[in-house]
C-alpha atoms as a PDB file:
ATOM      1  CA  MET A   1     217.189   9.793  57.309  1.00  0.00           C
ATOM      2  CA  ALA A   2     216.610   6.834  55.013  1.00  0.00           C
ATOM      3  CA  ARG A   3     219.625   5.171  53.419  1.00  0.00           C
ATOM      4  CA  THR A   4     217.609   3.355  50.766  1.00  0.00           C
ATOM      5  CA  ALA A   5     216.532   4.352  47.294  1.00  0.00           C
ATOM      6  CA  GLN A   6     213.300   6.342  47.292  1.00  0.00           C
ATOM      7  CA  GLN A   7     212.381   5.696  43.663  1.00  0.00           C
ATOM      8  CA  THR A   8     208.948   4.607  42.652  1.00  0.00           C
ATOM      9  CA  GLY A   9     208.545   1.465  40.620  1.00  0.00           C
ATOM     10  CA  PRO A  10     210.123  -1.957  41.033  1.00  0.00           C
ATOM     11  CA  LEU A  11     213.112  -2.293  43.328  1.00  0.00           C
ATOM     12  CA  ARG A  12     215.798  -4.935  43.739  1.00  0.00           C
ATOM     13  CA  LEU A  13     217.104  -5.954  47.134  1.00  0.00           C
ATOM     14  CA  TRP A  14     220.801  -6.830  47.254  1.00  0.00           C
ATOM     15  CA  ILE A  15     222.569  -8.369  50.255  1.00  0.00           C
ATOM     16  CA  ASP A  16     226.214  -7.449  50.829  1.00  0.00           C
ATOM     17  CA  TRP A  17     227.404 -10.569  52.623  1.00  0.00           C
ATOM     18  CA  THR A  18     230.838  -9.024  53.239  1.00  0.00           C
ATOM     19  CA  ALA A  19     229.238  -6.270  55.347  1.00  0.00           C
ATOM     20  CA  CYS A  20     226.729  -8.518  57.143  1.00  0.00           C
ATOM     21  CA  ASP A  21     227.516  -9.983  60.553  1.00  0.00           C
ATOM     22  CA  GLY A  22     224.517 -12.321  60.663  1.00  0.00           C
ATOM     23  CA  ARG A  23     222.396 -10.639  63.345  1.00  0.00           C
ATOM     24  CA  GLY A  24     219.238 -11.613  61.488  1.00  0.00           C
ATOM     25  CA  TRP A  25     217.198  -8.462  62.026  1.00  0.00           C
ATOM     26  CA  CYS A  26     216.409  -8.287  58.331  1.00  0.00           C
ATOM     27  CA  THR A  27     215.008 -11.820  58.328  1.00  0.00           C
ATOM     28  CA  GLU A  28     212.714 -10.865  61.191  1.00  0.00           C
ATOM     29  CA  LEU A  29     211.541  -7.707  59.404  1.00  0.00           C
ATOM     30  CA  LEU A  30     211.156  -9.265  55.956  1.00  0.00           C
ATOM     31  CA  PRO A  31     210.413 -12.991  56.381  1.00  0.00           C
ATOM     32  CA  GLU A  32     208.457 -13.061  53.109  1.00  0.00           C
ATOM     33  CA  LEU A  33     211.697 -12.525  51.160  1.00  0.00           C
ATOM     34  CA  LEU A  34     214.560 -13.414  53.495  1.00  0.00           C
ATOM     35  CA  ASP A  35     215.632 -16.515  55.370  1.00  0.00           C
ATOM     36  CA  ARG A  36     218.831 -17.444  57.210  1.00  0.00           C
ATOM     37  CA  ASP A  37     221.529 -19.840  56.121  1.00  0.00           C
ATOM     38  CA  PRO A  38     222.962 -22.307  58.707  1.00  0.00           C
ATOM     39  CA  ASP A  39     225.436 -19.627  59.886  1.00  0.00           C
ATOM     40  CA  GLY A  40     222.716 -16.997  60.394  1.00  0.00           C
ATOM     41  CA  TYR A  41     223.397 -14.896  57.286  1.00  0.00           C
ATOM     42  CA  PRO A  42     220.428 -13.703  55.220  1.00  0.00           C
ATOM     43  CA  ILE A  43     219.473 -15.445  51.997  1.00  0.00           C
ATOM     44  CA  ALA A  44     216.962 -13.920  49.619  1.00  0.00           C
ATOM     45  CA  LEU A  45     214.214 -16.305  48.570  1.00  0.00           C
ATOM     46  CA  ASP A  46     213.417 -15.810  44.891  1.00  0.00           C
ATOM     47  CA  PRO A  47     210.781 -18.239  43.541  1.00  0.00           C
ATOM     48  CA  ALA A  48     212.357 -18.046  40.075  1.00  0.00           C
ATOM     49  CA  VAL A  49     215.921 -18.955  41.100  1.00  0.00           C
ATOM     50  CA  GLY A  50     215.766 -20.197  44.696  1.00  0.00           C
ATOM     51  CA  GLN A  51     218.328 -18.848  47.158  1.00  0.00           C
ATOM     52  CA  THR A  52     220.206 -15.754  46.042  1.00  0.00           C
ATOM     53  CA  ARG A  53     221.524 -12.423  47.311  1.00  0.00           C
ATOM     54  CA  ASP A  54     219.704 -10.266  44.746  1.00  0.00           C
ATOM     55  CA  LEU A  55     215.982 -10.272  43.999  1.00  0.00           C
ATOM     56  CA  THR A  56     213.111  -8.095  42.835  1.00  0.00           C
ATOM     57  CA  VAL A  57     210.916  -6.862  45.666  1.00  0.00           C
ATOM     58  CA  PRO A  58     207.177  -7.323  45.025  1.00  0.00           C
ATOM     59  CA  ALA A  59     205.333  -3.990  45.155  1.00  0.00           C
ATOM     60  CA  PRO A  60     203.301  -4.838  48.305  1.00  0.00           C
ATOM     61  CA  LEU A  61     206.554  -5.523  50.206  1.00  0.00           C
ATOM     62  CA  THR A  62     208.463  -2.396  49.156  1.00  0.00           C
ATOM     63  CA  GLY A  63     207.803  -0.591  52.442  1.00  0.00           C
ATOM     64  CA  HIS A  64     208.925  -3.583  54.481  1.00  0.00           C
ATOM     65  CA  ALA A  65     212.069  -3.938  52.356  1.00  0.00           C
ATOM     66  CA  ARG A  66     212.894  -0.245  52.867  1.00  0.00           C
ATOM     67  CA  ARG A  67     212.446  -0.615  56.605  1.00  0.00           C
ATOM     68  CA  ALA A  68     214.712  -3.686  56.744  1.00  0.00           C
ATOM     69  CA  ALA A  69     217.409  -1.902  54.725  1.00  0.00           C
ATOM     70  CA  ASP A  70     217.129   1.278  56.800  1.00  0.00           C
ATOM     71  CA  LEU A  71     217.435  -0.631  60.084  1.00  0.00           C
ATOM     72  CA  CYS A  72     220.349  -2.869  59.090  1.00  0.00           C
ATOM     73  CA  PRO A  73     223.101  -1.989  61.592  1.00  0.00           C
ATOM     74  CA  ARG A  74     225.865  -3.073  59.167  1.00  0.00           C
ATOM     75  CA  LEU A  75     224.396  -1.375  56.050  1.00  0.00           C
ATOM     76  CA  ALA A  76     224.377  -4.773  54.340  1.00  0.00           C
ATOM     77  CA  LEU A  77     221.000  -4.435  52.567  1.00  0.00           C
ATOM     78  CA  HIS A  78     220.686  -2.230  49.514  1.00  0.00           C
ATOM     79  CA  LEU A  79     217.618  -1.270  47.491  1.00  0.00           C
ATOM     80  CA  ARG A  80     218.205  -0.344  43.861  1.00  0.00           C
ATOM     81  CA  PRO A  81     215.889   0.412  40.984  1.00  0.00           C
ATOM     82  CA  ALA A  82     214.995  -2.744  39.098  1.00  0.00           C
ATOM     83  CA  SER A  83     216.166  -2.819  35.534  1.00  0.00           C
ATOM     84  CA  PRO A  84     214.661  -5.394  33.165  1.00  0.00           C
ATOM     85  CA  ASP A  85     218.002  -5.842  31.363  1.00  0.00           C
ATOM     86  CA  VAL A  86     220.053  -6.481  34.516  1.00  0.00           C
ATOM     87  CA  GLY A  87     220.190 -10.052  35.787  1.00  0.00           C
ATOM     88  CA  ALA A  88     220.879 -11.207  39.326  1.00  0.00           C
ATOM     89  CA  ARG A  89     224.318 -10.506  40.723  1.00  0.00           C
ATOM     90  CA  ALA A  90     226.155 -13.411  42.241  1.00  0.00           C
END
């Protein structure tokens, strides 16, 4: 059963670095949005702000983002509905 939000519309991907152990599966499944830092932990690549842990997922990549979040063994990736009045979380 999927652990991610199943809403339609824009989604935000949030990385919980405290839960992550740096395996890097998410960066393999979603290289368009995620890269690794020097220690192997995922970093979201947002063209508007650069490296972050919270970004809006483009519509064509929603399925890939859901798959990466669903397969994260540490439950460190979270998909949430995007809200235009909520900024990035640091």
